[in-house]
Amino acid sequence: MSDPDSVPTTAPASETSQYLTFALKDVTYALPVEAVKEIRGYTDVTPVPGAADYVLGVMNLRGQVIPVMDLRARFGIETKARDRFTVIVLIQLATRVVGAVVDAVADVLDIASDAIGPVPELGETIDQSYLAGMATIDDDVVLTLCVDAIVGSEGLADAASAA
């Protein structure tokens, strides 16, 4: 017979969330799936004079003008020519939608919350504001992104209002 006062000795399962993973150069990044509105093949955008250097321009998405940024430029990674794998990930934050150009989309992964660790100190010259954490998946490090820091930028707001 089991003791009704016994307490289970196993730890509760950690909570998992789904993340869309994508590549920039040779690094894997991840966005929470709930922030992803859709993924579209790359199409040219309309440039906006005076926009921030990482803002490629704007696109028309079913009658809505959406600012589009190059995440390589946003993160200070050298840009590269677009190819057949290049896509625009449409990111939604509250009522705002922003397009982010990435090299390629990889997978949707379930990542346990306890598998995501803090961002280590990388030095003062590296802008870490875009990083929410780092997860180890198999033997790879996946950088989880802070959607608020990416989308909540003045340069993107300026591009959308100028169009």
N, C-alpha and C. Protein backbone atom coordinates (compact mmCIF):
# COMPACT_ATOMS: atom_id res chain seq x y z
N MET A 1 0.83 -1.18 0.00
CA MET A 1 0.00 0.00 0.00
C MET A 1 0.87 1.23 0.00
N SER A 2 0.38 2.27 -0.65
CA SER A 2 1.15 3.50 -0.69
C SER A 2 0.74 4.41 0.46
N ASP A 3 1.68 5.20 0.89
CA ASP A 3 1.45 6.14 1.99
C ASP A 3 0.77 7.39 1.43
N PRO A 4 -0.45 7.74 1.89
CA PRO A 4 -1.15 8.90 1.35
C PRO A 4 -0.46 10.22 1.65
N ASP A 5 0.44 10.22 2.64
CA ASP A 5 1.15 11.46 2.99
C ASP A 5 2.48 11.59 2.26
N SER A 6 2.81 10.62 1.42
CA SER A 6 4.10 10.69 0.73
C SER A 6 4.08 11.78 -0.34
N VAL A 7 5.21 12.39 -0.53
CA VAL A 7 5.37 13.46 -1.51
C VAL A 7 6.19 12.92 -2.66
N PRO A 8 5.75 13.17 -3.90
CA PRO A 8 6.55 12.68 -5.04
C PRO A 8 7.95 13.27 -5.00
N THR A 9 8.92 12.46 -5.35
CA THR A 9 10.30 12.91 -5.30
C THR A 9 10.81 13.39 -6.65
N THR A 10 10.02 13.26 -7.69
CA THR A 10 10.46 13.73 -9.00
C THR A 10 10.16 15.21 -9.13
N ALA A 11 11.05 15.90 -9.79
CA ALA A 11 10.86 17.34 -10.02
C ALA A 11 9.80 17.54 -11.10
N PRO A 12 9.05 18.63 -11.01
CA PRO A 12 8.05 18.87 -12.05
C PRO A 12 8.73 19.08 -13.40
N ALA A 13 8.03 18.64 -14.44
CA ALA A 13 8.58 18.82 -15.79
C ALA A 13 8.70 20.31 -16.08
N SER A 14 9.79 20.69 -16.75
CA SER A 14 9.95 22.12 -17.04
C SER A 14 9.02 22.50 -18.19
N GLU A 15 8.61 23.73 -18.18
CA GLU A 15 7.70 24.25 -19.20
C GLU A 15 8.46 24.42 -20.52
N THR A 16 7.82 24.06 -21.62
CA THR A 16 8.45 24.24 -22.92
C THR A 16 7.67 25.25 -23.74
N SER A 17 8.37 25.91 -24.61
CA SER A 17 7.76 26.85 -25.55
C SER A 17 8.29 26.54 -26.93
N GLN A 18 7.53 26.91 -27.94
CA GLN A 18 7.96 26.69 -29.31
C GLN A 18 8.68 27.92 -29.84
N TYR A 19 9.74 27.68 -30.59
CA TYR A 19 10.55 28.73 -31.18
C TYR A 19 10.78 28.43 -32.65
N LEU A 20 10.67 29.46 -33.48
CA LEU A 20 11.06 29.35 -34.88
C LEU A 20 12.55 29.63 -34.94
N THR A 21 13.31 28.70 -35.50
CA THR A 21 14.74 28.91 -35.62
C THR A 21 15.09 29.29 -37.05
N PHE A 22 16.09 30.14 -37.17
CA PHE A 22 16.54 30.59 -38.49
C PHE A 22 18.02 30.89 -38.42
N ALA A 23 18.62 31.00 -39.60
CA ALA A 23 20.06 31.23 -39.69
C ALA A 23 20.38 32.63 -40.16
N LEU A 24 21.43 33.17 -39.58
CA LEU A 24 22.11 34.37 -40.06
C LEU A 24 23.59 34.01 -40.03
N LYS A 25 24.19 34.01 -41.19
CA LYS A 25 25.57 33.55 -41.34
C LYS A 25 25.62 32.11 -40.86
N ASP A 26 26.44 31.78 -39.89
CA ASP A 26 26.55 30.40 -39.40
C ASP A 26 25.97 30.24 -38.00
N VAL A 27 25.10 31.17 -37.60
CA VAL A 27 24.55 31.16 -36.25
C VAL A 27 23.05 30.89 -36.32
N THR A 28 22.56 30.11 -35.36
CA THR A 28 21.13 29.82 -35.28
C THR A 28 20.49 30.73 -34.23
N TYR A 29 19.43 31.39 -34.64
CA TYR A 29 18.66 32.28 -33.76
C TYR A 29 17.26 31.71 -33.61
N ALA A 30 16.54 32.16 -32.58
CA ALA A 30 15.20 31.66 -32.35
C ALA A 30 14.28 32.79 -31.89
N LEU A 31 13.07 32.76 -32.42
CA LEU A 31 12.00 33.68 -32.03
C LEU A 31 10.84 32.87 -31.47
N PRO A 32 10.18 33.37 -30.43
CA PRO A 32 8.99 32.67 -29.96
C PRO A 32 7.96 32.56 -31.08
N VAL A 33 7.39 31.38 -31.27
CA VAL A 33 6.43 31.16 -32.35
C VAL A 33 5.25 32.11 -32.27
N GLU A 34 4.82 32.45 -31.06
CA GLU A 34 3.66 33.34 -30.95
C GLU A 34 3.94 34.74 -31.48
N ALA A 35 5.21 35.10 -31.68
CA ALA A 35 5.55 36.41 -32.24
C ALA A 35 5.62 36.37 -33.77
N VAL A 36 5.56 35.17 -34.37
CA VAL A 36 5.70 35.04 -35.82
C VAL A 36 4.32 35.03 -36.46
N LYS A 37 4.06 36.05 -37.30
CA LYS A 37 2.78 36.14 -37.99
C LYS A 37 2.75 35.22 -39.22
N GLU A 38 3.81 35.30 -40.03
CA GLU A 38 3.95 34.42 -41.19
C GLU A 38 5.36 34.50 -41.73
N ILE A 39 5.66 33.59 -42.65
CA ILE A 39 6.96 33.54 -43.32
C ILE A 39 6.69 33.65 -44.81
N ARG A 40 7.39 34.58 -45.48
CA ARG A 40 7.19 34.80 -46.91
C ARG A 40 8.53 34.69 -47.62
N GLY A 41 8.47 34.23 -48.86
CA GLY A 41 9.67 34.27 -49.69
C GLY A 41 10.13 35.71 -49.86
N TYR A 42 11.42 35.89 -50.08
CA TYR A 42 11.93 37.25 -50.21
C TYR A 42 11.40 37.91 -51.47
N THR A 43 10.91 39.13 -51.34
CA THR A 43 10.53 39.97 -52.47
C THR A 43 11.14 41.34 -52.25
N ASP A 44 11.39 42.03 -53.33
CA ASP A 44 11.96 43.38 -53.21
C ASP A 44 11.01 44.28 -52.45
N VAL A 45 11.60 45.23 -51.74
CA VAL A 45 10.82 46.19 -50.97
C VAL A 45 11.05 47.59 -51.54
N THR A 46 10.19 48.52 -51.15
CA THR A 46 10.31 49.90 -51.59
C THR A 46 11.21 50.65 -50.61
N PRO A 47 12.35 51.17 -51.08
CA PRO A 47 13.25 51.90 -50.18
C PRO A 47 12.58 53.17 -49.65
N VAL A 48 12.95 53.55 -48.44
CA VAL A 48 12.43 54.77 -47.82
C VAL A 48 13.63 55.69 -47.53
N PRO A 49 13.68 56.87 -48.17
CA PRO A 49 14.81 57.79 -47.94
C PRO A 49 14.92 58.16 -46.46
N GLY A 50 16.13 58.19 -45.96
CA GLY A 50 16.39 58.61 -44.59
C GLY A 50 16.14 57.54 -43.54
N ALA A 51 15.78 56.32 -43.95
CA ALA A 51 15.55 55.25 -42.98
C ALA A 51 16.89 54.79 -42.39
N ALA A 52 16.83 54.17 -41.24
CA ALA A 52 18.03 53.61 -40.62
C ALA A 52 18.72 52.65 -41.59
N ASP A 53 20.03 52.47 -41.45
CA ASP A 53 20.78 51.65 -42.39
C ASP A 53 20.35 50.19 -42.43
N TYR A 54 19.77 49.68 -41.37
CA TYR A 54 19.31 48.29 -41.36
C TYR A 54 17.90 48.13 -41.91
N VAL A 55 17.21 49.23 -42.19
CA VAL A 55 15.86 49.18 -42.74
C VAL A 55 15.97 49.14 -44.26
N LEU A 56 15.51 48.04 -44.85
CA LEU A 56 15.57 47.89 -46.30
C LEU A 56 14.50 48.73 -46.99
N GLY A 57 13.38 48.94 -46.32
CA GLY A 57 12.27 49.70 -46.89
C GLY A 57 10.96 49.19 -46.34
N VAL A 58 9.92 49.29 -47.17
CA VAL A 58 8.59 48.85 -46.77
C VAL A 58 8.01 47.93 -47.84
N MET A 59 7.04 47.12 -47.42
CA MET A 59 6.33 46.25 -48.35
C MET A 59 4.83 46.38 -48.08
N ASN A 60 4.05 46.07 -49.12
CA ASN A 60 2.60 46.07 -48.99
C ASN A 60 2.17 44.65 -48.68
N LEU A 61 1.57 44.47 -47.51
CA LEU A 61 1.07 43.15 -47.12
C LEU A 61 -0.44 43.25 -46.98
N ARG A 62 -1.13 42.85 -48.05
CA ARG A 62 -2.60 42.88 -48.06
C ARG A 62 -3.15 44.25 -47.62
N GLY A 63 -2.56 45.30 -48.19
CA GLY A 63 -3.04 46.65 -47.94
C GLY A 63 -2.41 47.33 -46.74
N GLN A 64 -1.57 46.64 -46.00
CA GLN A 64 -0.89 47.23 -44.85
C GLN A 64 0.58 47.46 -45.19
N VAL A 65 1.09 48.66 -44.90
CA VAL A 65 2.49 48.98 -45.15
C VAL A 65 3.31 48.47 -43.97
N ILE A 66 4.26 47.58 -44.28
CA ILE A 66 5.08 46.91 -43.27
C ILE A 66 6.54 47.31 -43.46
N PRO A 67 7.20 47.84 -42.42
CA PRO A 67 8.64 48.09 -42.54
C PRO A 67 9.39 46.76 -42.56
N VAL A 68 10.47 46.71 -43.34
CA VAL A 68 11.27 45.48 -43.47
C VAL A 68 12.72 45.81 -43.14
N MET A 69 13.28 45.03 -42.21
CA MET A 69 14.68 45.23 -41.82
C MET A 69 15.51 44.03 -42.20
N ASP A 70 16.78 44.27 -42.39
CA ASP A 70 17.75 43.21 -42.64
C ASP A 70 18.36 42.86 -41.29
N LEU A 71 18.07 41.67 -40.76
CA LEU A 71 18.60 41.31 -39.44
C LEU A 71 20.12 41.22 -39.43
N ARG A 72 20.72 40.87 -40.57
CA ARG A 72 22.19 40.87 -40.62
C ARG A 72 22.71 42.29 -40.31
N ALA A 73 22.17 43.28 -40.99
CA ALA A 73 22.60 44.66 -40.76
C ALA A 73 22.25 45.11 -39.35
N ARG A 74 21.10 44.72 -38.86
CA ARG A 74 20.64 45.10 -37.51
C ARG A 74 21.61 44.60 -36.45
N PHE A 75 22.17 43.40 -36.67
CA PHE A 75 23.08 42.79 -35.70
C PHE A 75 24.55 43.06 -36.01
N GLY A 76 24.83 43.85 -37.05
CA GLY A 76 26.21 44.18 -37.38
C GLY A 76 26.96 43.06 -38.09
N ILE A 77 26.22 42.17 -38.76
CA ILE A 77 26.82 41.09 -39.54
C ILE A 77 26.88 41.55 -41.00
N GLU A 78 27.99 41.25 -41.69
CA GLU A 78 28.09 41.69 -43.08
C GLU A 78 26.92 41.13 -43.89
N THR A 79 26.43 41.95 -44.81
CA THR A 79 25.29 41.55 -45.62
C THR A 79 25.75 40.60 -46.72
N LYS A 80 24.80 39.90 -47.29
CA LYS A 80 25.11 38.99 -48.39
C LYS A 80 24.00 39.08 -49.42
N ALA A 81 24.29 38.61 -50.61
CA ALA A 81 23.28 38.61 -51.67
C ALA A 81 22.13 37.69 -51.28
N ARG A 82 20.93 38.07 -51.65
CA ARG A 82 19.75 37.24 -51.39
C ARG A 82 19.81 36.02 -52.30
N ASP A 83 19.34 34.89 -51.78
CA ASP A 83 19.29 33.69 -52.60
C ASP A 83 17.93 33.01 -52.42
N ARG A 84 17.79 31.81 -52.93
CA ARG A 84 16.49 31.14 -52.90
C ARG A 84 16.05 30.74 -51.49
N PHE A 85 16.97 30.78 -50.52
CA PHE A 85 16.63 30.43 -49.15
C PHE A 85 16.23 31.65 -48.32
N THR A 86 16.56 32.84 -48.81
CA THR A 86 16.27 34.08 -48.08
C THR A 86 14.77 34.26 -47.94
N VAL A 87 14.33 34.57 -46.73
CA VAL A 87 12.91 34.78 -46.47
C VAL A 87 12.70 36.02 -45.61
N ILE A 88 11.46 36.47 -45.59
CA ILE A 88 11.05 37.55 -44.69
C ILE A 88 10.15 36.92 -43.63
N VAL A 89 10.57 37.03 -42.38
CA VAL A 89 9.76 36.57 -41.26
C VAL A 89 8.98 37.78 -40.77
N LEU A 90 7.65 37.67 -40.79
CA LEU A 90 6.82 38.75 -40.30
C LEU A 90 6.60 38.55 -38.82
N ILE A 91 7.07 39.53 -38.04
CA ILE A 91 7.03 39.47 -36.58
C ILE A 91 5.92 40.38 -36.09
N GLN A 92 5.10 39.87 -35.19
CA GLN A 92 3.99 40.65 -34.64
C GLN A 92 4.27 40.95 -33.17
N LEU A 93 4.11 42.22 -32.81
CA LEU A 93 4.21 42.63 -31.42
C LEU A 93 3.04 43.55 -31.16
N ALA A 94 2.07 43.08 -30.39
CA ALA A 94 0.82 43.82 -30.15
C ALA A 94 0.16 44.10 -31.50
N THR A 95 0.00 45.37 -31.87
CA THR A 95 -0.68 45.70 -33.13
C THR A 95 0.31 46.00 -34.26
N ARG A 96 1.57 45.85 -34.01
CA ARG A 96 2.60 46.20 -34.98
C ARG A 96 3.19 44.97 -35.65
N VAL A 97 3.41 45.05 -36.96
CA VAL A 97 4.03 43.96 -37.71
C VAL A 97 5.27 44.52 -38.40
N VAL A 98 6.36 43.77 -38.32
CA VAL A 98 7.62 44.16 -38.94
C VAL A 98 8.19 42.95 -39.67
N GLY A 99 8.74 43.18 -40.85
CA GLY A 99 9.40 42.11 -41.60
C GLY A 99 10.87 42.06 -41.25
N ALA A 100 11.40 40.85 -41.09
CA ALA A 100 12.81 40.65 -40.80
C ALA A 100 13.38 39.69 -41.84
N VAL A 101 14.36 40.16 -42.61
CA VAL A 101 14.99 39.32 -43.63
C VAL A 101 16.05 38.45 -42.95
N VAL A 102 15.94 37.13 -43.17
CA VAL A 102 16.89 36.17 -42.61
C VAL A 102 17.42 35.29 -43.74
N ASP A 103 18.56 34.65 -43.49
CA ASP A 103 19.19 33.82 -44.51
C ASP A 103 18.35 32.60 -44.86
N ALA A 104 17.81 31.94 -43.86
CA ALA A 104 17.00 30.74 -44.08
C ALA A 104 16.28 30.37 -42.79
N VAL A 105 15.08 29.84 -42.93
CA VAL A 105 14.34 29.33 -41.78
C VAL A 105 14.73 27.87 -41.60
N ALA A 106 14.89 27.44 -40.34
CA ALA A 106 15.30 26.06 -40.08
C ALA A 106 14.11 25.23 -39.61
N ASP A 107 13.77 25.31 -38.34
CA ASP A 107 12.75 24.44 -37.75
C ASP A 107 11.93 25.21 -36.72
N VAL A 108 10.88 24.55 -36.27
CA VAL A 108 10.18 24.98 -35.06
C VAL A 108 10.59 23.98 -33.99
N LEU A 109 11.18 24.49 -32.90
CA LEU A 109 11.67 23.62 -31.84
C LEU A 109 10.91 23.86 -30.56
N ASP A 110 10.71 22.80 -29.79
CA ASP A 110 10.21 22.91 -28.42
C ASP A 110 11.45 23.04 -27.55
N ILE A 111 11.55 24.17 -26.84
CA ILE A 111 12.71 24.40 -25.98
C ILE A 111 12.20 24.56 -24.55
N ALA A 112 12.74 23.75 -23.65
CA ALA A 112 12.36 23.83 -22.24
C ALA A 112 12.89 25.13 -21.64
N SER A 113 12.08 25.73 -20.78
CA SER A 113 12.49 27.01 -20.19
C SER A 113 13.79 26.87 -19.40
N ASP A 114 14.00 25.72 -18.78
CA ASP A 114 15.24 25.57 -18.02
C ASP A 114 16.44 25.26 -18.92
N ALA A 115 16.22 25.09 -20.22
CA ALA A 115 17.32 24.89 -21.17
C ALA A 115 17.85 26.22 -21.69
N ILE A 116 17.13 27.31 -21.40
CA ILE A 116 17.56 28.64 -21.85
C ILE A 116 18.26 29.33 -20.69
N GLY A 117 19.53 29.61 -20.90
CA GLY A 117 20.32 30.27 -19.87
C GLY A 117 20.49 31.74 -20.17
N PRO A 118 21.03 32.47 -19.21
CA PRO A 118 21.27 33.89 -19.43
C PRO A 118 22.38 34.12 -20.45
N VAL A 119 22.41 35.31 -20.97
CA VAL A 119 23.46 35.71 -21.92
C VAL A 119 24.70 36.05 -21.10
N PRO A 120 25.82 35.39 -21.37
CA PRO A 120 27.04 35.72 -20.61
C PRO A 120 27.55 37.11 -20.99
N GLU A 121 28.31 37.69 -20.12
CA GLU A 121 28.91 39.00 -20.40
C GLU A 121 29.88 38.83 -21.57
N LEU A 122 29.63 39.59 -22.64
CA LEU A 122 30.44 39.47 -23.84
C LEU A 122 31.30 40.70 -24.11
N GLY A 123 31.29 41.63 -23.20
CA GLY A 123 32.09 42.84 -23.37
C GLY A 123 31.21 44.04 -23.68
N GLU A 124 31.71 45.21 -23.41
CA GLU A 124 30.93 46.43 -23.58
C GLU A 124 30.70 46.82 -25.04
N THR A 125 31.54 46.34 -25.95
CA THR A 125 31.42 46.76 -27.34
C THR A 125 30.37 45.96 -28.11
N ILE A 126 29.84 44.91 -27.50
CA ILE A 126 28.85 44.07 -28.17
C ILE A 126 27.47 44.40 -27.63
N ASP A 127 26.54 44.76 -28.52
CA ASP A 127 25.17 45.08 -28.13
C ASP A 127 24.41 43.78 -27.89
N GLN A 128 24.10 43.51 -26.64
CA GLN A 128 23.40 42.29 -26.27
C GLN A 128 21.91 42.52 -26.04
N SER A 129 21.42 43.71 -26.31
CA SER A 129 20.03 44.04 -26.01
C SER A 129 19.03 43.19 -26.80
N TYR A 130 19.45 42.62 -27.93
CA TYR A 130 18.56 41.82 -28.75
C TYR A 130 18.44 40.38 -28.25
N LEU A 131 19.32 39.98 -27.36
CA LEU A 131 19.36 38.60 -26.90
C LEU A 131 18.55 38.41 -25.62
N ALA A 132 17.65 37.41 -25.64
CA ALA A 132 16.88 37.07 -24.45
C ALA A 132 17.58 35.98 -23.66
N GLY A 133 18.31 35.11 -24.34
CA GLY A 133 19.00 34.02 -23.68
C GLY A 133 19.70 33.14 -24.69
N MET A 134 20.31 32.08 -24.17
CA MET A 134 21.01 31.13 -25.01
C MET A 134 20.62 29.73 -24.60
N ALA A 135 20.29 28.91 -25.57
CA ALA A 135 19.91 27.52 -25.31
C ALA A 135 20.89 26.59 -26.00
N THR A 136 21.15 25.46 -25.38
CA THR A 136 21.98 24.44 -26.01
C THR A 136 21.05 23.34 -26.49
N ILE A 137 21.03 23.14 -27.80
CA ILE A 137 20.21 22.11 -28.42
C ILE A 137 21.17 21.15 -29.10
N ASP A 138 21.16 19.90 -28.64
CA ASP A 138 22.17 18.92 -29.05
C ASP A 138 23.53 19.53 -28.71
N ASP A 139 24.38 19.76 -29.68
CA ASP A 139 25.68 20.37 -29.39
C ASP A 139 25.77 21.80 -29.89
N ASP A 140 24.65 22.36 -30.33
CA ASP A 140 24.64 23.71 -30.88
C ASP A 140 24.08 24.72 -29.88
N VAL A 141 24.55 25.94 -29.99
CA VAL A 141 24.01 27.04 -29.19
C VAL A 141 23.01 27.80 -30.05
N VAL A 142 21.83 28.02 -29.51
CA VAL A 142 20.78 28.77 -30.19
C VAL A 142 20.57 30.06 -29.41
N LEU A 143 20.64 31.19 -30.11
CA LEU A 143 20.45 32.48 -29.47
C LEU A 143 18.98 32.87 -29.55
N THR A 144 18.33 32.98 -28.40
CA THR A 144 16.92 33.38 -28.39
C THR A 144 16.87 34.91 -28.38
N LEU A 145 15.95 35.44 -29.17
CA LEU A 145 15.90 36.89 -29.37
C LEU A 145 14.78 37.54 -28.57
N CYS A 146 15.02 38.78 -28.19
CA CYS A 146 14.04 39.60 -27.49
C CYS A 146 13.26 40.37 -28.55
N VAL A 147 12.03 39.98 -28.79
CA VAL A 147 11.21 40.58 -29.84
C VAL A 147 11.02 42.07 -29.60
N ASP A 148 10.79 42.47 -28.35
CA ASP A 148 10.59 43.89 -28.03
C ASP A 148 11.78 44.75 -28.48
N ALA A 149 12.98 44.25 -28.24
CA ALA A 149 14.18 45.02 -28.59
C ALA A 149 14.35 45.16 -30.10
N ILE A 150 13.96 44.13 -30.86
CA ILE A 150 14.10 44.17 -32.31
C ILE A 150 13.03 45.04 -32.94
N VAL A 151 11.78 44.81 -32.56
CA VAL A 151 10.65 45.47 -33.19
C VAL A 151 10.42 46.87 -32.65
N GLY A 152 10.76 47.12 -31.41
CA GLY A 152 10.45 48.39 -30.79
C GLY A 152 11.42 49.50 -31.13
N SER A 153 11.93 49.51 -32.33
CA SER A 153 12.95 50.46 -32.73
C SER A 153 12.37 51.71 -33.39
N GLU A 154 12.99 52.82 -33.12
CA GLU A 154 12.58 54.09 -33.73
C GLU A 154 12.76 54.08 -35.24
N GLY A 155 13.86 53.48 -35.73
CA GLY A 155 14.13 53.46 -37.16
C GLY A 155 13.04 52.79 -37.96
N LEU A 156 12.45 51.75 -37.41
CA LEU A 156 11.37 51.04 -38.09
C LEU A 156 10.10 51.87 -38.09
N ALA A 157 9.82 52.55 -37.00
CA ALA A 157 8.63 53.39 -36.92
C ALA A 157 8.74 54.54 -37.93
N ASP A 158 9.94 55.10 -38.05
CA ASP A 158 10.16 56.19 -39.02
C ASP A 158 9.93 55.72 -40.45
N ALA A 159 10.39 54.49 -40.76
CA ALA A 159 10.23 53.96 -42.12
C ALA A 159 8.76 53.77 -42.46
N ALA A 160 8.00 53.24 -41.53
CA ALA A 160 6.58 52.98 -41.79
C ALA A 160 5.80 54.26 -41.94
N SER A 161 6.12 55.27 -41.14
CA SER A 161 5.36 56.53 -41.22
C SER A 161 5.76 57.35 -42.43
N ALA A 162 6.98 57.16 -42.95
CA ALA A 162 7.44 57.93 -44.11
C ALA A 162 6.85 57.40 -45.41
N ALA A 163 6.41 56.15 -45.40
CA ALA A 163 5.92 55.52 -46.63
C ALA A 163 4.54 56.03 -47.00
